[in-house]
């Protein structure tokens, strides 16, 4: 498998984006872990997600009149890079196109099943 297929050229990942991807993977790793009690997995997941601010993946700035501006571009960039890689990997293993995987993922998101 060539590296271009796995990780197509595109924008580079910022350090906060890279760290955000790891935080999201931490949450995924406990999502359906049978050794973790469901209530405990929610608590662990929330604790992991709190790290998104700590790593700089989500930033907020107070602007005039008590308004807050939120920048989640590093979080989104990290998530998109991980998702892009994963779609390419699944397409390769399933011997189909990336577009077919995206369609299947959209179908799943519209009607999630276990």
PDB file of N, CA and C in Angstrom:
ATOM      1  N   UNK A   1       0.856  -1.163   0.000  1.00  0.00           N
ATOM      2  CA  UNK A   1       0.000   0.000   0.000  1.00  0.00           C
ATOM      3  C   UNK A   1       0.902   1.225   0.000  1.00  0.00           C
ATOM      4  N   UNK A   2       0.653   2.177  -0.913  1.00  0.00           N
ATOM      5  CA  UNK A   2       1.530   3.340  -0.945  1.00  0.00           C
ATOM      6  C   UNK A   2       1.078   4.403   0.046  1.00  0.00           C
ATOM      7  N   UNK A   3       2.037   5.198   0.510  1.00  0.00           N
ATOM      8  CA  UNK A   3       1.746   6.198   1.530  1.00  0.00           C
ATOM      9  C   UNK A   3       0.799   7.278   1.035  1.00  0.00           C
ATOM     10  N   UNK A   4       0.802   7.574  -0.270  1.00  0.00           N
ATOM     11  CA  UNK A   4      -0.105   8.592  -0.776  1.00  0.00           C
ATOM     12  C   UNK A   4      -1.549   8.151  -0.612  1.00  0.00           C
ATOM     13  N   UNK A   5      -1.804   6.855  -0.774  1.00  0.00           N
ATOM     14  CA  UNK A   5      -3.173   6.374  -0.599  1.00  0.00           C
ATOM     15  C   UNK A   5      -3.594   6.469   0.872  1.00  0.00           C
ATOM     16  N   UNK A   6      -2.675   6.165   1.753  1.00  0.00           N
ATOM     17  CA  UNK A   6      -2.988   6.181   3.182  1.00  0.00           C
ATOM     18  C   UNK A   6      -3.181   7.606   3.689  1.00  0.00           C
ATOM     19  N   UNK A   7      -2.247   8.466   3.356  1.00  0.00           N
ATOM     20  CA  UNK A   7      -2.296   9.842   3.859  1.00  0.00           C
ATOM     21  C   UNK A   7      -2.105  10.800   2.692  1.00  0.00           C
ATOM     22  N   UNK A   8      -3.197  11.108   1.989  1.00  0.00           N
ATOM     23  CA  UNK A   8      -3.083  11.999   0.846  1.00  0.00           C
ATOM     24  C   UNK A   8      -2.492  13.344   1.266  1.00  0.00           C
ATOM     25  N   UNK A   9      -1.797  13.956   0.343  1.00  0.00           N
ATOM     26  CA  UNK A   9      -1.201  15.247   0.679  1.00  0.00           C
ATOM     27  C   UNK A   9      -2.305  16.239   0.992  1.00  0.00           C
ATOM     28  N   UNK A  10      -1.994  17.145   1.823  1.00  0.00           N
ATOM     29  CA  UNK A  10      -2.978  18.139   2.225  1.00  0.00           C
ATOM     30  C   UNK A  10      -2.399  18.983   3.324  1.00  0.00           C
ATOM     31  N   UNK A  11      -3.257  19.627   4.063  1.00  0.00           N
ATOM     32  CA  UNK A  11      -2.775  20.506   5.129  1.00  0.00           C
ATOM     33  C   UNK A  11      -1.998  19.729   6.188  1.00  0.00           C
ATOM     34  N   UNK A  12      -1.041  20.391   6.777  1.00  0.00           N
ATOM     35  CA  UNK A  12      -0.296  19.754   7.855  1.00  0.00           C
ATOM     36  C   UNK A  12      -1.090  19.868   9.148  1.00  0.00           C
ATOM     37  N   UNK A  13      -0.778  19.016  10.064  1.00  0.00           N
ATOM     38  CA  UNK A  13      -1.478  18.974  11.341  1.00  0.00           C
ATOM     39  C   UNK A  13      -0.707  19.786  12.363  1.00  0.00           C
ATOM     40  N   UNK A  14      -1.399  20.684  13.048  1.00  0.00           N
ATOM     41  CA  UNK A  14      -0.767  21.455  14.112  1.00  0.00           C
ATOM     42  C   UNK A  14      -0.536  20.559  15.318  1.00  0.00           C
ATOM     43  N   UNK A  15       0.340  20.974  16.209  1.00  0.00           N
ATOM     44  CA  UNK A  15       0.574  20.195  17.432  1.00  0.00           C
ATOM     45  C   UNK A  15      -0.701  20.070  18.265  1.00  0.00           C
ATOM     46  N   UNK A  16      -1.474  21.162  18.474  1.00  0.00           N
ATOM     47  CA  UNK A  16      -2.741  20.996  19.199  1.00  0.00           C
ATOM     48  C   UNK A  16      -3.711  20.062  18.471  1.00  0.00           C
ATOM     49  N   UNK A  17      -3.696  20.083  17.148  1.00  0.00           N
ATOM     50  CA  UNK A  17      -4.549  19.174  16.376  1.00  0.00           C
ATOM     51  C   UNK A  17      -4.132  17.728  16.554  1.00  0.00           C
ATOM     52  N   UNK A  18      -2.831  17.499  16.554  1.00  0.00           N
ATOM     53  CA  UNK A  18      -2.312  16.146  16.768  1.00  0.00           C
ATOM     54  C   UNK A  18      -2.711  15.638  18.150  1.00  0.00           C
ATOM     55  N   UNK A  19      -2.540  16.492  19.147  1.00  0.00           N
ATOM     56  CA  UNK A  19      -2.899  16.104  20.510  1.00  0.00           C
ATOM     57  C   UNK A  19      -4.405  15.883  20.648  1.00  0.00           C
ATOM     58  N   UNK A  20      -5.201  16.704  19.959  1.00  0.00           N
ATOM     59  CA  UNK A  20      -6.658  16.527  19.983  1.00  0.00           C
ATOM     60  C   UNK A  20      -7.044  15.172  19.409  1.00  0.00           C
ATOM     61  N   UNK A  21      -6.359  14.761  18.335  1.00  0.00           N
ATOM     62  CA  UNK A  21      -6.636  13.451  17.745  1.00  0.00           C
ATOM     63  C   UNK A  21      -6.384  12.345  18.762  1.00  0.00           C
ATOM     64  N   UNK A  22      -5.328  12.488  19.531  1.00  0.00           N
ATOM     65  CA  UNK A  22      -5.033  11.487  20.563  1.00  0.00           C
ATOM     66  C   UNK A  22      -6.103  11.483  21.647  1.00  0.00           C
ATOM     67  N   UNK A  23      -6.594  12.663  22.021  1.00  0.00           N
ATOM     68  CA  UNK A  23      -7.664  12.737  23.019  1.00  0.00           C
ATOM     69  C   UNK A  23      -8.903  12.016  22.492  1.00  0.00           C
ATOM     70  N   UNK A  24      -9.253  12.269  21.238  1.00  0.00           N
ATOM     71  CA  UNK A  24     -10.422  11.599  20.661  1.00  0.00           C
ATOM     72  C   UNK A  24     -10.228  10.092  20.612  1.00  0.00           C
ATOM     73  N   UNK A  25      -9.025   9.651  20.298  1.00  0.00           N
ATOM     74  CA  UNK A  25      -8.747   8.211  20.303  1.00  0.00           C
ATOM     75  C   UNK A  25      -8.843   7.629  21.710  1.00  0.00           C
ATOM     76  N   UNK A  26      -8.453   8.407  22.721  1.00  0.00           N
ATOM     77  CA  UNK A  26      -8.616   7.954  24.111  1.00  0.00           C
ATOM     78  C   UNK A  26     -10.085   7.696  24.409  1.00  0.00           C
ATOM     79  N   UNK A  27     -10.950   8.613  23.964  1.00  0.00           N
ATOM     80  CA  UNK A  27     -12.388   8.454  24.202  1.00  0.00           C
ATOM     81  C   UNK A  27     -12.910   7.236  23.446  1.00  0.00           C
ATOM     82  N   UNK A  28     -12.505   7.064  22.201  1.00  0.00           N
ATOM     83  CA  UNK A  28     -12.948   5.912  21.408  1.00  0.00           C
ATOM     84  C   UNK A  28     -12.513   4.605  22.059  1.00  0.00           C
ATOM     85  N   UNK A  29     -11.315   4.601  22.622  1.00  0.00           N
ATOM     86  CA  UNK A  29     -10.800   3.355  23.196  1.00  0.00           C
ATOM     87  C   UNK A  29     -11.608   2.881  24.401  1.00  0.00           C
ATOM     88  N   UNK A  30     -12.297   3.782  25.078  1.00  0.00           N
ATOM     89  CA  UNK A  30     -13.118   3.340  26.222  1.00  0.00           C
ATOM     90  C   UNK A  30     -14.603   3.285  25.876  1.00  0.00           C
ATOM     91  N   UNK A  31     -14.968   3.746  24.683  1.00  0.00           N
ATOM     92  CA  UNK A  31     -16.382   3.873  24.281  1.00  0.00           C
ATOM     93  C   UNK A  31     -17.158   2.585  24.519  1.00  0.00           C
ATOM     94  N   UNK A  32     -16.687   1.480  23.992  1.00  0.00           N
ATOM     95  CA  UNK A  32     -17.387   0.200  24.141  1.00  0.00           C
ATOM     96  C   UNK A  32     -16.538  -0.832  24.863  1.00  0.00           C
ATOM     97  N   UNK A  33     -15.676  -0.373  25.735  1.00  0.00           N
ATOM     98  CA  UNK A  33     -14.812  -1.281  26.481  1.00  0.00           C
ATOM     99  C   UNK A  33     -15.661  -2.069  27.472  1.00  0.00           C
ATOM    100  N   UNK A  34     -15.750  -3.384  27.316  1.00  0.00           N
ATOM    101  CA  UNK A  34     -16.602  -4.188  28.191  1.00  0.00           C
ATOM    102  C   UNK A  34     -16.118  -4.228  29.637  1.00  0.00           C
ATOM    103  N   UNK A  35     -14.870  -3.822  29.881  1.00  0.00           N
ATOM    104  CA  UNK A  35     -14.361  -3.848  31.252  1.00  0.00           C
ATOM    105  C   UNK A  35     -14.707  -2.568  32.013  1.00  0.00           C
ATOM    106  N   UNK A  36     -15.278  -1.587  31.320  1.00  0.00           N
ATOM    107  CA  UNK A  36     -15.614  -0.313  31.958  1.00  0.00           C
ATOM    108  C   UNK A  36     -17.126  -0.215  32.098  1.00  0.00           C
ATOM    109  N   UNK A  37     -17.574   0.083  33.311  1.00  0.00           N
ATOM    110  CA  UNK A  37     -19.005   0.262  33.594  1.00  0.00           C
ATOM    111  C   UNK A  37     -19.499   1.472  32.784  1.00  0.00           C
ATOM    112  N   UNK A  38     -20.700   1.379  32.144  1.00  0.00           N
ATOM    113  CA  UNK A  38     -21.177   2.469  31.289  1.00  0.00           C
ATOM    114  C   UNK A  38     -21.117   3.858  31.934  1.00  0.00           C
ATOM    115  N   UNK A  39     -21.581   4.006  33.186  1.00  0.00           N
ATOM    116  CA  UNK A  39     -21.515   5.320  33.838  1.00  0.00           C
ATOM    117  C   UNK A  39     -20.071   5.782  34.003  1.00  0.00           C
ATOM    118  N   UNK A  40     -19.205   4.844  34.274  1.00  0.00           N
ATOM    119  CA  UNK A  40     -17.794   5.164  34.443  1.00  0.00           C
ATOM    120  C   UNK A  40     -17.177   5.573  33.105  1.00  0.00           C
ATOM    121  N   UNK A  41     -17.588   4.943  32.003  1.00  0.00           N
ATOM    122  CA  UNK A  41     -17.031   5.290  30.701  1.00  0.00           C
ATOM    123  C   UNK A  41     -17.428   6.703  30.300  1.00  0.00           C
ATOM    124  N   UNK A  42     -18.629   7.134  30.659  1.00  0.00           N
ATOM    125  CA  UNK A  42     -19.056   8.512  30.375  1.00  0.00           C
ATOM    126  C   UNK A  42     -18.178   9.487  31.154  1.00  0.00           C
ATOM    127  N   UNK A  43     -17.939   9.189  32.415  1.00  0.00           N
ATOM    128  CA  UNK A  43     -17.096  10.054  33.251  1.00  0.00           C
ATOM    129  C   UNK A  43     -15.660  10.101  32.708  1.00  0.00           C
ATOM    130  N   UNK A  44     -15.120   8.946  32.352  1.00  0.00           N
ATOM    131  CA  UNK A  44     -13.762   8.895  31.811  1.00  0.00           C
ATOM    132  C   UNK A  44     -13.700   9.659  30.485  1.00  0.00           C
ATOM    133  N   UNK A  45     -14.721   9.475  29.646  1.00  0.00           N
ATOM    134  CA  UNK A  45     -14.773  10.181  28.365  1.00  0.00           C
ATOM    135  C   UNK A  45     -14.837  11.681  28.543  1.00  0.00           C
ATOM    136  N   UNK A  46     -15.672  12.134  29.465  1.00  0.00           N
ATOM    137  CA  UNK A  46     -15.772  13.573  29.721  1.00  0.00           C
ATOM    138  C   UNK A  46     -14.463  14.138  30.243  1.00  0.00           C
ATOM    139  N   UNK A  47     -13.798  13.398  31.109  1.00  0.00           N
ATOM    140  CA  UNK A  47     -12.502  13.836  31.626  1.00  0.00           C
ATOM    141  C   UNK A  47     -11.492  13.948  30.486  1.00  0.00           C
ATOM    142  N   UNK A  48     -11.500  12.974  29.596  1.00  0.00           N
ATOM    143  CA  UNK A  48     -10.588  13.022  28.451  1.00  0.00           C
ATOM    144  C   UNK A  48     -10.903  14.223  27.566  1.00  0.00           C
ATOM    145  N   UNK A  49     -12.179  14.476  27.310  1.00  0.00           N
ATOM    146  CA  UNK A  49     -12.558  15.595  26.448  1.00  0.00           C
ATOM    147  C   UNK A  49     -12.192  16.949  27.050  1.00  0.00           C
ATOM    148  N   UNK A  50     -12.157  17.026  28.375  1.00  0.00           N
ATOM    149  CA  UNK A  50     -11.729  18.273  29.022  1.00  0.00           C
ATOM    150  C   UNK A  50     -10.294  18.626  28.640  1.00  0.00           C
ATOM    151  N   UNK A  51      -9.511  17.613  28.284  1.00  0.00           N
ATOM    152  CA  UNK A  51      -8.116  17.848  27.886  1.00  0.00           C
ATOM    153  C   UNK A  51      -8.004  18.626  26.584  1.00  0.00           C
ATOM    154  N   UNK A  52      -9.085  18.686  25.794  1.00  0.00           N
ATOM    155  CA  UNK A  52      -9.032  19.410  24.528  1.00  0.00           C
ATOM    156  C   UNK A  52      -8.644  20.868  24.739  1.00  0.00           C
ATOM    157  N   UNK A  53      -9.154  21.461  25.798  1.00  0.00           N
ATOM    158  CA  UNK A  53      -8.763  22.835  26.131  1.00  0.00           C
ATOM    159  C   UNK A  53      -7.340  22.902  26.635  1.00  0.00           C
ATOM    160  N   UNK A  54      -6.957  21.909  27.423  1.00  0.00           N
ATOM    161  CA  UNK A  54      -5.599  21.886  27.983  1.00  0.00           C
ATOM    162  C   UNK A  54      -4.529  21.802  26.906  1.00  0.00           C
ATOM    163  N   UNK A  55      -4.810  21.091  25.831  1.00  0.00           N
ATOM    164  CA  UNK A  55      -3.814  20.933  24.771  1.00  0.00           C
ATOM    165  C   UNK A  55      -3.900  22.045  23.732  1.00  0.00           C
ATOM    166  N   UNK A  56      -4.840  22.962  23.907  1.00  0.00           N
ATOM    167  CA  UNK A  56      -4.963  24.100  22.999  1.00  0.00           C
ATOM    168  C   UNK A  56      -5.751  23.813  21.741  1.00  0.00           C
ATOM    169  N   UNK A  57      -6.487  22.705  21.717  1.00  0.00           N
ATOM    170  CA  UNK A  57      -7.259  22.358  20.525  1.00  0.00           C
ATOM    171  C   UNK A  57      -8.547  23.171  20.420  1.00  0.00           C
ATOM    172  N   UNK A  58      -9.032  23.662  21.552  1.00  0.00           N
ATOM    173  CA  UNK A  58     -10.204  24.527  21.587  1.00  0.00           C
ATOM    174  C   UNK A  58      -9.828  25.730  22.438  1.00  0.00           C
ATOM    175  N   UNK A  59      -9.970  26.901  21.833  1.00  0.00           N
ATOM    176  CA  UNK A  59      -9.607  28.131  22.535  1.00  0.00           C
ATOM    177  C   UNK A  59     -10.802  29.077  22.548  1.00  0.00           C
ATOM    178  N   UNK A  60     -10.918  29.836  23.607  1.00  0.00           N
ATOM    179  CA  UNK A  60     -11.987  30.831  23.671  1.00  0.00           C
ATOM    180  C   UNK A  60     -11.382  32.191  24.009  1.00  0.00           C
ATOM    181  N   UNK A  61     -12.005  33.198  23.456  1.00  0.00           N
ATOM    182  CA  UNK A  61     -11.572  34.574  23.687  1.00  0.00           C
ATOM    183  C   UNK A  61     -12.794  35.392  24.061  1.00  0.00           C
ATOM    184  N   UNK A  62     -12.696  36.122  25.169  1.00  0.00           N
ATOM    185  CA  UNK A  62     -13.786  37.009  25.561  1.00  0.00           C
ATOM    186  C   UNK A  62     -13.680  38.271  24.726  1.00  0.00           C
ATOM    187  N   UNK A  63     -14.784  38.597  24.066  1.00  0.00           N
ATOM    188  CA  UNK A  63     -14.822  39.823  23.287  1.00  0.00           C
ATOM    189  C   UNK A  63     -15.839  40.760  23.923  1.00  0.00           C
ATOM    190  N   UNK A  64     -16.110  41.861  23.330  1.00  0.00           N
ATOM    191  CA  UNK A  64     -16.947  42.896  23.950  1.00  0.00           C
ATOM    192  C   UNK A  64     -18.335  42.389  24.317  1.00  0.00           C
ATOM    193  N   UNK A  65     -18.934  43.070  25.278  1.00  0.00           N
ATOM    194  CA  UNK A  65     -20.300  42.812  25.736  1.00  0.00           C
ATOM    195  C   UNK A  65     -20.543  41.395  26.225  1.00  0.00           C
ATOM    196  N   UNK A  66     -19.523  40.783  26.807  1.00  0.00           N
ATOM    197  CA  UNK A  66     -19.669  39.457  27.391  1.00  0.00           C
ATOM    198  C   UNK A  66     -19.749  38.318  26.382  1.00  0.00           C
ATOM    199  N   UNK A  67     -19.538  38.609  25.128  1.00  0.00           N
ATOM    200  CA  UNK A  67     -19.559  37.557  24.118  1.00  0.00           C
ATOM    201  C   UNK A  67     -18.249  36.793  24.132  1.00  0.00           C
ATOM    202  N   UNK A  68     -18.318  35.533  23.734  1.00  0.00           N
ATOM    203  CA  UNK A  68     -17.148  34.675  23.701  1.00  0.00           C
ATOM    204  C   UNK A  68     -16.983  34.130  22.283  1.00  0.00           C
ATOM    205  N   UNK A  69     -15.778  34.197  21.794  1.00  0.00           N
ATOM    206  CA  UNK A  69     -15.464  33.611  20.491  1.00  0.00           C
ATOM    207  C   UNK A  69     -14.719  32.303  20.739  1.00  0.00           C
ATOM    208  N   UNK A  70     -15.169  31.238  20.092  1.00  0.00           N
ATOM    209  CA  UNK A  70     -14.565  29.924  20.276  1.00  0.00           C
ATOM    210  C   UNK A  70     -13.894  29.504  18.969  1.00  0.00           C
ATOM    211  N   UNK A  71     -12.662  29.034  19.085  1.00  0.00           N
ATOM    212  CA  UNK A  71     -11.913  28.547  17.929  1.00  0.00           C
ATOM    213  C   UNK A  71     -11.610  27.073  18.149  1.00  0.00           C
ATOM    214  N   UNK A  72     -12.251  26.229  17.357  1.00  0.00           N
ATOM    215  CA  UNK A  72     -12.042  24.783  17.456  1.00  0.00           C
ATOM    216  C   UNK A  72     -11.350  24.255  16.207  1.00  0.00           C
ATOM    217  N   UNK A  73     -10.646  25.118  15.481  1.00  0.00           N
ATOM    218  CA  UNK A  73     -10.052  24.710  14.206  1.00  0.00           C
ATOM    219  C   UNK A  73      -9.006  23.609  14.384  1.00  0.00           C
ATOM    220  N   UNK A  74      -8.233  23.629  15.459  1.00  0.00           N
ATOM    221  CA  UNK A  74      -7.250  22.563  15.667  1.00  0.00           C
ATOM    222  C   UNK A  74      -7.932  21.237  15.977  1.00  0.00           C
ATOM    223  N   UNK A  75      -9.001  21.265  16.738  1.00  0.00           N
ATOM    224  CA  UNK A  75      -9.776  20.055  17.018  1.00  0.00           C
ATOM    225  C   UNK A  75     -10.347  19.493  15.721  1.00  0.00           C
ATOM    226  N   UNK A  76     -10.941  20.347  14.924  1.00  0.00           N
ATOM    227  CA  UNK A  76     -11.540  19.905  13.671  1.00  0.00           C
ATOM    228  C   UNK A  76     -10.465  19.382  12.724  1.00  0.00           C
ATOM    229  N   UNK A  77      -9.338  20.086  12.636  1.00  0.00           N
ATOM    230  CA  UNK A  77      -8.253  19.641  11.768  1.00  0.00           C
ATOM    231  C   UNK A  77      -7.727  18.270  12.158  1.00  0.00           C
ATOM    232  N   UNK A  78      -7.540  18.050  13.454  1.00  0.00           N
ATOM    233  CA  UNK A  78      -7.064  16.751  13.926  1.00  0.00           C
ATOM    234  C   UNK A  78      -8.069  15.643  13.666  1.00  0.00           C
ATOM    235  N   UNK A  79      -9.343  15.943  13.904  1.00  0.00           N
ATOM    236  CA  UNK A  79     -10.390  14.945  13.676  1.00  0.00           C
ATOM    237  C   UNK A  79     -10.508  14.610  12.190  1.00  0.00           C
ATOM    238  N   UNK A  80     -10.425  15.630  11.330  1.00  0.00           N
ATOM    239  CA  UNK A  80     -10.527  15.396   9.894  1.00  0.00           C
ATOM    240  C   UNK A  80      -9.349  14.591   9.363  1.00  0.00           C
ATOM    241  N   UNK A  81      -8.156  14.883   9.875  1.00  0.00           N
ATOM    242  CA  UNK A  81      -6.996  14.123   9.412  1.00  0.00           C
ATOM    243  C   UNK A  81      -7.130  12.655   9.812  1.00  0.00           C
ATOM    244  N   UNK A  82      -7.566  12.401  11.033  1.00  0.00           N
ATOM    245  CA  UNK A  82      -7.749  11.022  11.493  1.00  0.00           C
ATOM    246  C   UNK A  82      -8.851  10.330  10.692  1.00  0.00           C
ATOM    247  N   UNK A  83      -9.953  11.019  10.465  1.00  0.00           N
ATOM    248  CA  UNK A  83     -11.065  10.439   9.725  1.00  0.00           C
ATOM    249  C   UNK A  83     -10.673  10.168   8.274  1.00  0.00           C
ATOM    250  N   UNK A  84      -9.943  11.083   7.673  1.00  0.00           N
ATOM    251  CA  UNK A  84      -9.479  10.914   6.297  1.00  0.00           C
ATOM    252  C   UNK A  84      -8.594   9.675   6.177  1.00  0.00           C
ATOM    253  N   UNK A  85      -7.678   9.513   7.113  1.00  0.00           N
ATOM    254  CA  UNK A  85      -6.793   8.348   7.099  1.00  0.00           C
ATOM    255  C   UNK A  85      -7.594   7.061   7.273  1.00  0.00           C
ATOM    256  N   UNK A  86      -8.526   7.094   8.209  1.00  0.00           N
ATOM    257  CA  UNK A  86      -9.314   5.903   8.490  1.00  0.00           C
ATOM    258  C   UNK A  86     -10.186   5.500   7.295  1.00  0.00           C
ATOM    259  N   UNK A  87     -10.789   6.470   6.632  1.00  0.00           N
ATOM    260  CA  UNK A  87     -11.598   6.179   5.450  1.00  0.00           C
ATOM    261  C   UNK A  87     -10.734   5.520   4.373  1.00  0.00           C
ATOM    262  N   UNK A  88      -9.524   6.039   4.160  1.00  0.00           N
ATOM    263  CA  UNK A  88      -8.614   5.454   3.168  1.00  0.00           C
ATOM    264  C   UNK A  88      -8.244   4.026   3.542  1.00  0.00           C
ATOM    265  N   UNK A  89      -7.972   3.781   4.822  1.00  0.00           N
ATOM    266  CA  UNK A  89      -7.624   2.432   5.274  1.00  0.00           C
ATOM    267  C   UNK A  89      -8.776   1.460   5.078  1.00  0.00           C
ATOM    268  N   UNK A  90      -9.979   1.859   5.457  1.00  0.00           N
ATOM    269  CA  UNK A  90     -11.140   0.980   5.317  1.00  0.00           C
ATOM    270  C   UNK A  90     -11.417   0.708   3.839  1.00  0.00           C
ATOM    271  N   UNK A  91     -11.323   1.737   3.009  1.00  0.00           N
ATOM    272  CA  UNK A  91     -11.538   1.548   1.568  1.00  0.00           C
ATOM    273  C   UNK A  91     -10.537   0.539   1.009  1.00  0.00           C
ATOM    274  N   UNK A  92      -9.301   0.632   1.454  1.00  0.00           N
ATOM    275  CA  UNK A  92      -8.278  -0.298   0.980  1.00  0.00           C
ATOM    276  C   UNK A  92      -8.601  -1.732   1.402  1.00  0.00           C
ATOM    277  N   UNK A  93      -8.959  -1.919   2.644  1.00  0.00           N
ATOM    278  CA  UNK A  93      -9.262  -3.256   3.157  1.00  0.00           C
ATOM    279  C   UNK A  93     -10.540  -3.814   2.524  1.00  0.00           C
ATOM    280  N   UNK A  94     -11.519  -2.953   2.304  1.00  0.00           N
ATOM    281  CA  UNK A  94     -12.796  -3.386   1.728  1.00  0.00           C
ATOM    282  C   UNK A  94     -12.757  -3.463   0.200  1.00  0.00           C
ATOM    283  N   UNK A  95     -11.635  -3.060  -0.391  1.00  0.00           N
ATOM    284  CA  UNK A  95     -11.477  -3.073  -1.849  1.00  0.00           C
ATOM    285  C   UNK A  95     -12.582  -2.276  -2.544  1.00  0.00           C
ATOM    286  N   UNK A  96     -12.780  -1.063  -2.046  1.00  0.00           N
ATOM    287  CA  UNK A  96     -13.773  -0.181  -2.639  1.00  0.00           C
ATOM    288  C   UNK A  96     -13.228   1.242  -2.639  1.00  0.00           C
ATOM    289  N   UNK A  97     -14.030   2.169  -3.086  1.00  0.00           N
ATOM    290  CA  UNK A  97     -13.564   3.552  -3.150  1.00  0.00           C
ATOM    291  C   UNK A  97     -13.817   4.273  -1.829  1.00  0.00           C
ATOM    292  N   UNK A  98     -13.090   5.353  -1.661  1.00  0.00           N
ATOM    293  CA  UNK A  98     -13.310   6.194  -0.486  1.00  0.00           C
ATOM    294  C   UNK A  98     -14.744   6.714  -0.477  1.00  0.00           C
ATOM    295  N   UNK A  99     -15.258   7.040  -1.651  1.00  0.00           N
ATOM    296  CA  UNK A  99     -16.619   7.567  -1.764  1.00  0.00           C
ATOM    297  C   UNK A  99     -17.640   6.563  -1.241  1.00  0.00           C
ATOM    298  N   UNK A 100     -17.421   5.278  -1.540  1.00  0.00           N
ATOM    299  CA  UNK A 100     -18.332   4.248  -1.041  1.00  0.00           C
ATOM    300  C   UNK A 100     -18.303   4.186   0.486  1.00  0.00           C
ATOM    301  N   UNK A 101     -17.127   4.334   1.060  1.00  0.00           N
ATOM    302  CA  UNK A 101     -17.016   4.323   2.527  1.00  0.00           C
ATOM    303  C   UNK A 101     -17.712   5.544   3.114  1.00  0.00           C
ATOM    304  N   UNK A 102     -17.545   6.694   2.495  1.00  0.00           N
ATOM    305  CA  UNK A 102     -18.197   7.918   2.982  1.00  0.00           C
ATOM    306  C   UNK A 102     -19.716   7.753   2.922  1.00  0.00           C
ATOM    307  N   UNK A 103     -20.235   7.178   1.849  1.00  0.00           N
ATOM    308  CA  UNK A 103     -21.684   6.948   1.738  1.00  0.00           C
ATOM    309  C   UNK A 103     -22.157   6.016   2.848  1.00  0.00           C
ATOM    310  N   UNK A 104     -21.411   4.941   3.094  1.00  0.00           N
ATOM    311  CA  UNK A 104     -21.783   4.002   4.158  1.00  0.00           C
ATOM    312  C   UNK A 104     -21.727   4.667   5.529  1.00  0.00           C
ATOM    313  N   UNK A 105     -20.737   5.518   5.724  1.00  0.00           N
ATOM    314  CA  UNK A 105     -20.624   6.233   7.002  1.00  0.00           C
ATOM    315  C   UNK A 105     -21.785   7.209   7.179  1.00  0.00           C
ATOM    316  N   UNK A 106     -22.143   7.907   6.113  1.00  0.00           N
ATOM    317  CA  UNK A 106     -23.308   8.806   6.186  1.00  0.00           C
ATOM    318  C   UNK A 106     -24.573   8.017   6.552  1.00  0.00           C
ATOM    319  N   UNK A 107     -24.753   6.859   5.916  1.00  0.00           N
ATOM    320  CA  UNK A 107     -25.913   6.022   6.228  1.00  0.00           C
ATOM    321  C   UNK A 107     -25.922   5.624   7.701  1.00  0.00           C
ATOM    322  N   UNK A 108     -24.730   5.250   8.202  1.00  0.00           N
ATOM    323  CA  UNK A 108     -24.637   4.864   9.620  1.00  0.00           C
ATOM    324  C   UNK A 108     -24.972   6.048  10.522  1.00  0.00           C
ATOM    325  N   UNK A 109     -24.442   7.233  10.211  1.00  0.00           N
ATOM    326  CA  UNK A 109     -24.695   8.408  11.045  1.00  0.00           C
ATOM    327  C   UNK A 109     -26.181   8.782  11.049  1.00  0.00           C
ATOM    328  N   UNK A 110     -26.858   8.550   9.927  1.00  0.00           N
ATOM    329  CA  UNK A 110     -28.291   8.840   9.851  1.00  0.00           C
ATOM    330  C   UNK A 110     -29.139   7.803  10.575  1.00  0.00           C
ATOM    331  N   UNK A 111     -28.602   6.594  10.744  1.00  0.00           N
ATOM    332  CA  UNK A 111     -29.339   5.520  11.407  1.00  0.00           C
ATOM    333  C   UNK A 111     -28.359   4.616  12.146  1.00  0.00           C
ATOM    334  N   UNK A 112     -27.805   5.101  13.264  1.00  0.00           N
ATOM    335  CA  UNK A 112     -26.798   4.302  13.987  1.00  0.00           C
ATOM    336  C   UNK A 112     -27.352   2.980  14.493  1.00  0.00           C
ATOM    337  N   UNK A 113     -26.578   1.931  14.273  1.00  0.00           N
ATOM    338  CA  UNK A 113     -26.928   0.613  14.780  1.00  0.00           C
ATOM    339  C   UNK A 113     -25.708   0.068  15.516  1.00  0.00           C
ATOM    340  N   UNK A 114     -25.960  -0.754  16.517  1.00  0.00           N
ATOM    341  CA  UNK A 114     -24.831  -1.283  17.289  1.00  0.00           C
ATOM    342  C   UNK A 114     -23.882  -2.127  16.467  1.00  0.00           C
TER     343      UNK A 114
END
